[in-house]
Amino acid sequence: MSDNSLRLVWIYPDLLSTYGDQGNALVVERRARQRGLDVQRLDVRSDQPIPTSGDIYLIGGGEDRPQRLAAERLLRDGGLSRAASNGAILFSVCAGYQILGHEFINDQGTQQQGLGLLDVVSTRGEAERCVGDVLADIDPQLNLPPLTGFENHQGVTHLGPTARPFAKVRFGNGNGVGDGFEGAWQDTVFGTYMHGPVMARNPHIADLLLKLALDVNALPPADDRWYEALRQERIAAATETA
């Protein structure tokens, strides 16, 4: 990318955009423009090819059938995998998180092949559905403040040896395995079960993606007052109901 431009790709908004996940694209775009970047945002529908020249790719959550359709089309297309191999930044939520793994259980109750971009495998949980606010501490290696979000999933995600947990849960379920971890990441690929949308609650995650895309260690400051008010409100709510 050039020094003052950013190519942001929002994947399959017609299939994967539950719980306002498209808000993540809005937040990343706004945070970039606040730093003087020229943002080229492309919303790619499921009947369109995935461009391989993006800098940041975002993929949201969805119901079981749209998730299966999205996985099938992404596998056939191959563009997202090629973009990842070229060093693009990928951030995925819920169904999108499972799609980036090796496999998950689809709406027909069978194993569905994922993209294999994250070393995780997702199955269907036997316990009650994971629903509610979550508060978690993000992997210290990423140097970010605590994670706040909303989870609503039946899936259980197991991490392989090359994936790191995205966060350690204080309140909530996270990956549903029982080990207290939430999400996963490796290199420039990230996955989480957090809705909210997660970027509105955690603008520093958006900033992390921007720093990775720009290959810089820091960004100019931005006005965080609105985000911080929302964060404190949701963190307080999670603490009260824990």
Protein backbone atom coordinates (compact mmCIF):
# COMPACT_ATOMS: atom_id res chain seq x y z
CA MET A 1 0.00 0.00 0.00
CA SER A 2 1.07 3.60 -0.47
CA ASP A 3 1.90 5.75 2.54
CA ASN A 4 -1.50 7.50 2.66
CA SER A 5 -3.96 4.94 1.30
CA LEU A 6 -5.67 1.87 2.70
CA ARG A 7 -7.64 -0.79 0.86
CA LEU A 8 -10.36 -2.16 3.15
CA VAL A 9 -12.42 -5.17 2.05
CA TRP A 10 -15.68 -6.16 3.76
CA ILE A 11 -16.50 -9.75 2.77
CA TYR A 12 -19.99 -11.01 1.93
CA PRO A 13 -22.23 -8.46 3.70
CA ASP A 14 -25.20 -10.27 2.09
CA LEU A 15 -24.38 -13.47 4.01
CA LEU A 16 -22.25 -12.57 7.03
CA SER A 17 -23.26 -9.42 8.90
CA THR A 18 -25.28 -10.33 12.00
CA TYR A 19 -25.40 -8.24 15.17
CA GLY A 20 -24.16 -5.17 13.32
CA ASP A 21 -20.79 -6.68 12.38
CA GLN A 22 -20.62 -4.35 9.39
CA GLY A 23 -20.00 -1.67 12.00
CA ASN A 24 -16.46 -3.05 12.20
CA ALA A 25 -15.82 -1.83 8.65
CA LEU A 26 -17.25 1.58 9.53
CA VAL A 27 -14.99 1.89 12.58
CA VAL A 28 -11.81 0.82 10.77
CA GLU A 29 -12.62 3.21 7.94
CA ARG A 30 -13.26 6.10 10.34
CA ARG A 31 -10.15 5.42 12.43
CA ALA A 32 -8.08 5.40 9.25
CA ARG A 33 -9.54 8.68 7.99
CA GLN A 34 -8.90 10.29 11.38
CA ARG A 35 -5.21 9.58 10.71
CA GLY A 36 -5.32 11.20 7.27
CA LEU A 37 -5.44 7.98 5.27
CA ASP A 38 -7.22 7.75 1.94
CA VAL A 39 -9.49 4.72 2.42
CA GLN A 40 -10.71 2.68 -0.50
CA ARG A 41 -13.47 0.49 0.93
CA LEU A 42 -14.91 -2.37 -1.09
CA ASP A 43 -17.97 -4.35 0.02
CA VAL A 44 -17.77 -7.68 -1.81
CA ARG A 45 -21.02 -9.61 -2.18
CA SER A 46 -21.06 -13.39 -2.35
CA ASP A 47 -21.55 -13.39 -6.14
CA GLN A 48 -18.41 -11.28 -6.67
CA PRO A 49 -14.74 -12.32 -6.72
CA ILE A 50 -12.59 -11.52 -3.71
CA PRO A 51 -9.85 -9.04 -4.67
CA THR A 52 -6.34 -10.06 -3.67
CA SER A 53 -4.89 -6.54 -3.41
CA GLY A 54 -6.59 -5.46 -0.17
CA ASP A 55 -4.72 -4.44 2.97
CA ILE A 56 -7.36 -5.34 5.58
CA TYR A 57 -10.15 -7.91 5.16
CA LEU A 58 -13.11 -8.10 7.54
CA ILE A 59 -15.61 -10.95 7.74
CA GLY A 60 -18.58 -11.11 10.11
CA GLY A 61 -20.99 -13.59 11.62
CA GLY A 62 -24.03 -15.30 10.15
CA GLU A 63 -26.52 -18.11 10.57
CA ASP A 64 -25.63 -21.71 9.76
CA ARG A 65 -26.77 -21.90 6.12
CA PRO A 66 -25.22 -18.56 5.06
CA GLN A 67 -22.03 -19.67 6.82
CA ARG A 68 -21.90 -22.85 4.74
CA LEU A 69 -22.57 -20.95 1.52
CA ALA A 70 -19.88 -18.41 2.38
CA ALA A 71 -17.30 -21.13 3.11
CA GLU A 72 -18.06 -22.93 -0.14
CA ARG A 73 -17.76 -19.76 -2.20
CA LEU A 74 -14.59 -18.57 -0.48
CA LEU A 75 -12.98 -21.95 -1.11
CA ARG A 76 -13.94 -21.91 -4.78
CA ASP A 77 -12.83 -18.32 -5.20
CA GLY A 78 -9.43 -18.64 -3.49
CA GLY A 79 -8.90 -14.89 -3.37
CA LEU A 80 -8.93 -14.53 0.40
CA SER A 81 -6.38 -17.29 0.84
CA ARG A 82 -4.12 -15.69 -1.76
CA ALA A 83 -4.47 -12.31 -0.04
CA ALA A 84 -3.50 -13.88 3.30
CA SER A 85 -0.46 -15.55 1.73
CA ASN A 86 0.55 -12.11 0.46
CA GLY A 87 0.51 -10.75 4.03
CA ALA A 88 -2.93 -9.12 4.16
CA ILE A 89 -4.57 -8.51 7.55
CA LEU A 90 -7.69 -10.65 8.25
CA PHE A 91 -10.13 -10.09 11.08
CA SER A 92 -13.10 -12.44 11.48
CA VAL A 93 -16.10 -12.70 13.80
CA CYS A 94 -18.10 -15.76 14.92
CA ALA A 95 -19.16 -17.66 11.75
CA GLY A 96 -16.34 -15.92 9.90
CA TYR A 97 -13.92 -17.03 12.63
CA GLN A 98 -14.98 -20.65 12.16
CA ILE A 99 -14.68 -20.37 8.37
CA LEU A 100 -11.04 -19.30 8.66
CA GLY A 101 -10.26 -22.48 10.60
CA HIS A 102 -9.74 -26.00 9.25
CA GLU A 103 -13.35 -27.16 9.64
CA PHE A 104 -16.67 -26.55 11.38
CA ILE A 105 -20.10 -28.22 11.64
CA ASN A 106 -22.53 -26.85 9.04
CA ASP A 107 -26.32 -26.51 8.98
CA GLN A 108 -26.63 -30.08 7.70
CA GLY A 109 -24.79 -31.44 10.73
CA THR A 110 -21.71 -32.50 8.75
CA GLN A 111 -18.10 -31.36 8.78
CA GLN A 112 -17.51 -28.39 6.49
CA GLN A 113 -14.04 -27.57 5.20
CA GLY A 114 -12.75 -24.15 6.15
CA LEU A 115 -9.97 -22.08 4.64
CA GLY A 116 -7.27 -23.29 7.03
CA LEU A 117 -5.94 -19.78 7.63
CA LEU A 118 -6.22 -20.23 11.41
CA ASP A 119 -5.09 -23.38 13.19
CA VAL A 120 -8.48 -24.02 14.81
CA VAL A 121 -11.26 -26.59 14.50
CA SER A 122 -14.86 -25.83 15.47
CA THR A 123 -17.50 -28.31 16.60
CA ARG A 124 -21.02 -27.97 17.97
CA GLY A 125 -21.22 -27.63 21.72
CA GLU A 126 -23.18 -30.02 23.90
CA ALA A 127 -23.92 -27.48 26.62
CA GLU A 128 -26.23 -24.46 26.57
CA ARG A 129 -25.72 -21.78 23.96
CA CYS A 130 -23.10 -19.17 24.86
CA VAL A 131 -24.98 -15.87 25.09
CA GLY A 132 -24.14 -12.63 26.87
CA ASP A 133 -21.57 -9.96 27.50
CA VAL A 134 -17.92 -10.93 27.76
CA LEU A 135 -14.94 -9.26 29.37
CA ALA A 136 -11.49 -10.65 28.60
CA ASP A 137 -7.80 -9.74 28.71
CA ILE A 138 -6.23 -9.68 25.26
CA ASP A 139 -2.97 -11.57 24.69
CA PRO A 140 -0.26 -9.36 26.26
CA GLN A 141 1.83 -9.78 23.12
CA LEU A 142 -0.70 -7.56 21.30
CA ASN A 143 -0.47 -4.81 23.95
CA LEU A 144 -4.18 -3.87 23.94
CA PRO A 145 -6.66 -2.94 26.69
CA PRO A 146 -9.30 -5.45 27.87
CA LEU A 147 -11.74 -6.85 25.33
CA THR A 148 -15.47 -6.26 25.69
CA GLY A 149 -18.07 -7.86 23.43
CA PHE A 150 -21.27 -9.85 23.06
CA GLU A 151 -21.29 -13.57 22.29
CA ASN A 152 -24.11 -15.67 20.85
CA HIS A 153 -22.93 -19.03 19.55
CA GLN A 154 -23.40 -22.76 19.92
CA GLY A 155 -20.02 -23.55 18.38
CA VAL A 156 -16.96 -24.70 20.31
CA THR A 157 -13.54 -23.84 18.90
CA HIS A 158 -10.35 -25.77 19.68
CA LEU A 159 -6.96 -24.17 19.03
CA GLY A 160 -4.13 -26.04 17.37
CA PRO A 161 -0.46 -25.63 18.28
CA THR A 162 0.26 -22.70 15.93
CA ALA A 163 -2.70 -20.53 17.00
CA ARG A 164 -2.54 -18.29 20.05
CA PRO A 165 -5.61 -17.40 22.14
CA PHE A 166 -6.78 -13.88 21.34
CA ALA A 167 -7.87 -13.25 24.93
CA LYS A 168 -8.29 -14.78 28.39
CA VAL A 169 -11.88 -14.53 29.62
CA ARG A 170 -12.77 -12.90 32.93
CA PHE A 171 -16.57 -13.12 32.43
CA GLY A 172 -18.32 -15.12 29.70
CA ASN A 173 -17.53 -18.25 27.70
CA GLY A 174 -15.31 -17.36 24.75
CA ASN A 175 -14.34 -20.39 22.68
CA GLY A 176 -16.59 -22.64 24.75
CA VAL A 177 -13.89 -25.23 25.41
CA GLY A 178 -13.74 -24.55 29.14
CA ASP A 179 -10.14 -23.37 29.17
CA GLY A 180 -11.12 -19.71 29.56
CA PHE A 181 -9.78 -18.55 26.19
CA GLU A 182 -11.54 -16.43 23.59
CA GLY A 183 -10.72 -16.21 19.88
CA ALA A 184 -7.43 -17.00 18.20
CA TRP A 185 -4.72 -15.33 16.17
CA GLN A 186 -1.57 -16.17 14.28
CA ASP A 187 0.59 -13.83 12.26
CA THR A 188 -1.87 -11.37 10.64
CA VAL A 189 -5.04 -13.47 10.93
CA PHE A 190 -7.45 -12.90 13.82
CA GLY A 191 -10.70 -14.54 14.93
CA THR A 192 -13.16 -13.82 17.74
CA TYR A 193 -16.70 -14.68 18.79
CA MET A 194 -17.27 -11.08 19.89
CA HIS A 195 -20.07 -9.03 18.34
CA GLY A 196 -21.05 -5.59 19.56
CA PRO A 197 -19.83 -4.67 16.94
CA VAL A 198 -16.47 -5.51 18.45
CA MET A 199 -14.60 -2.57 16.88
CA ALA A 200 -17.06 -0.04 18.31
CA ARG A 201 -16.42 -1.44 21.76
CA ASN A 202 -12.69 -1.91 21.13
CA PRO A 203 -11.34 0.75 18.75
CA HIS A 204 -7.79 -0.20 19.67
CA ILE A 205 -8.28 -3.46 17.77
CA ALA A 206 -9.04 -1.40 14.68
CA ASP A 207 -5.89 0.61 15.37
CA LEU A 208 -3.88 -2.62 15.67
CA LEU A 209 -5.03 -3.68 12.21
CA LEU A 210 -4.09 -0.27 10.83
CA LYS A 211 -0.62 -0.44 12.39
CA LEU A 212 -0.06 -3.89 10.93
CA ALA A 213 -1.23 -2.75 7.50
CA LEU A 214 0.95 0.37 7.64
CA ASP A 215 3.88 -1.49 9.25
CA VAL A 216 4.23 1.15 11.97
CA ASN A 217 4.54 0.90 15.75
CA ALA A 218 2.26 3.82 16.60
CA LEU A 219 -0.52 5.98 15.15
CA PRO A 220 -1.40 9.64 15.77
CA PRO A 221 -3.96 9.98 18.59
CA ALA A 222 -7.68 9.98 17.79
CA ASP A 223 -10.75 11.08 19.73
CA ASP A 224 -11.77 8.08 21.85
CA ARG A 225 -14.36 9.73 24.10
CA TRP A 226 -17.43 8.11 22.50
CA TYR A 227 -15.79 4.70 22.33
CA GLU A 228 -14.55 4.90 25.90
CA ALA A 229 -18.02 5.81 27.20
CA LEU A 230 -19.46 2.75 25.45
CA ARG A 231 -16.62 0.55 26.71
CA GLN A 232 -17.10 1.57 30.32
CA GLU A 233 -20.87 1.08 30.08
CA ARG A 234 -20.52 -2.46 28.69
CA ILE A 235 -17.67 -3.43 31.03
CA ALA A 236 -19.79 -2.31 33.99
CA ALA A 237 -22.75 -4.31 32.67
CA ALA A 238 -20.64 -7.44 32.26
CA THR A 239 -19.21 -7.06 35.76
CA GLU A 240 -22.65 -6.59 37.35
CA THR A 241 -24.12 -9.71 35.71
CA ALA A 242 -21.09 -11.95 36.27
